[in-house]
Amino acid sequence: MDLALGFLTFGTMGFVMVFGYLQSRAMEERMKRGGPKSSLSRDGAAERLAAIRASENTNQS
C-alpha cells in the first residue's frame, strides 16, 4: 500500500512539473513568434479591435 501511495504521489508531482515545463516552453515560443496578445490586456484589446475594424473596412470596399 505504501509503495502505491508513493508512486501515485511522486507520479502526480512529476506529471505536474513536466506539464508546467512544457506549457512555459510553449508560451516562450508563442512570445518569440509574436503571436496575438491576451484580449484581457489593454494593448491586446486595442490590437483585436484594430484587426476587426480593418477587416470590416476591407469587406465594405
Protein backbone atom coordinates (compact mmCIF):
# COMPACT_ATOMS: atom_id res chain seq x y z
CA MET A 1 0.00 0.00 0.00
CA ASP A 2 2.83 2.38 0.86
CA LEU A 3 4.53 1.69 -2.43
CA ALA A 4 1.38 2.53 -4.41
CA LEU A 5 0.83 5.71 -2.40
CA GLY A 6 4.42 6.82 -3.03
CA PHE A 7 4.14 6.02 -6.71
CA LEU A 8 0.91 7.99 -7.06
CA THR A 9 2.28 10.92 -5.07
CA PHE A 10 5.54 11.27 -6.95
CA GLY A 11 3.92 10.36 -10.25
CA THR A 12 1.41 13.17 -9.84
CA MET A 13 4.08 15.65 -8.81
CA GLY A 14 6.25 14.61 -11.75
CA PHE A 15 3.36 14.97 -14.16
CA VAL A 16 2.57 18.46 -12.87
CA MET A 17 6.20 19.50 -13.16
CA VAL A 18 6.55 18.20 -16.72
CA PHE A 19 3.24 19.74 -17.78
CA GLY A 20 4.26 23.11 -16.31
CA TYR A 21 7.61 22.96 -18.07
CA LEU A 22 6.02 22.17 -21.43
CA GLN A 23 3.49 24.96 -21.02
CA SER A 24 6.20 27.50 -20.19
CA ARG A 25 8.19 26.42 -23.28
CA ALA A 26 5.09 26.77 -25.46
CA MET A 27 4.42 30.24 -24.06
CA GLU A 28 8.01 31.33 -24.74
CA GLU A 29 7.75 30.09 -28.33
CA ARG A 30 4.48 31.95 -28.81
CA MET A 31 6.06 35.14 -27.45
CA LYS A 32 9.07 34.78 -29.80
CA ARG A 33 6.84 34.34 -32.84
CA GLY A 34 4.89 37.48 -31.95
CA GLY A 35 1.53 35.79 -31.59
CA PRO A 36 -1.62 37.61 -30.55
CA LYS A 37 -1.63 39.22 -27.13
CA SER A 38 -4.18 38.45 -24.47
CA SER A 39 -7.53 40.12 -25.05
CA LEU A 40 -7.55 40.96 -21.33
CA SER A 41 -4.61 43.35 -21.66
CA ARG A 42 -5.15 46.93 -22.75
CA ASP A 43 -2.90 46.74 -25.79
CA GLY A 44 -4.20 43.28 -26.69
CA ALA A 45 -7.78 44.53 -26.75
CA ALA A 46 -6.75 47.50 -28.90
CA GLU A 47 -4.91 45.14 -31.25
CA ARG A 48 -8.00 42.97 -31.69
CA LEU A 49 -10.30 45.93 -32.23
CA ALA A 50 -7.95 47.34 -34.86
CA ALA A 51 -7.93 43.99 -36.66
CA ILE A 52 -11.73 43.84 -36.61
CA ARG A 53 -12.02 47.39 -37.95
CA ALA A 54 -9.50 46.65 -40.70
CA SER A 55 -11.41 43.53 -41.77
CA GLU A 56 -14.70 45.48 -41.77
CA ASN A 57 -13.14 48.19 -43.98
CA THR A 58 -11.84 45.54 -46.36
CA ASN A 59 -15.25 43.87 -46.57
CA GLN A 60 -17.01 47.17 -47.27
CA SER A 61 -14.73 48.07 -50.17
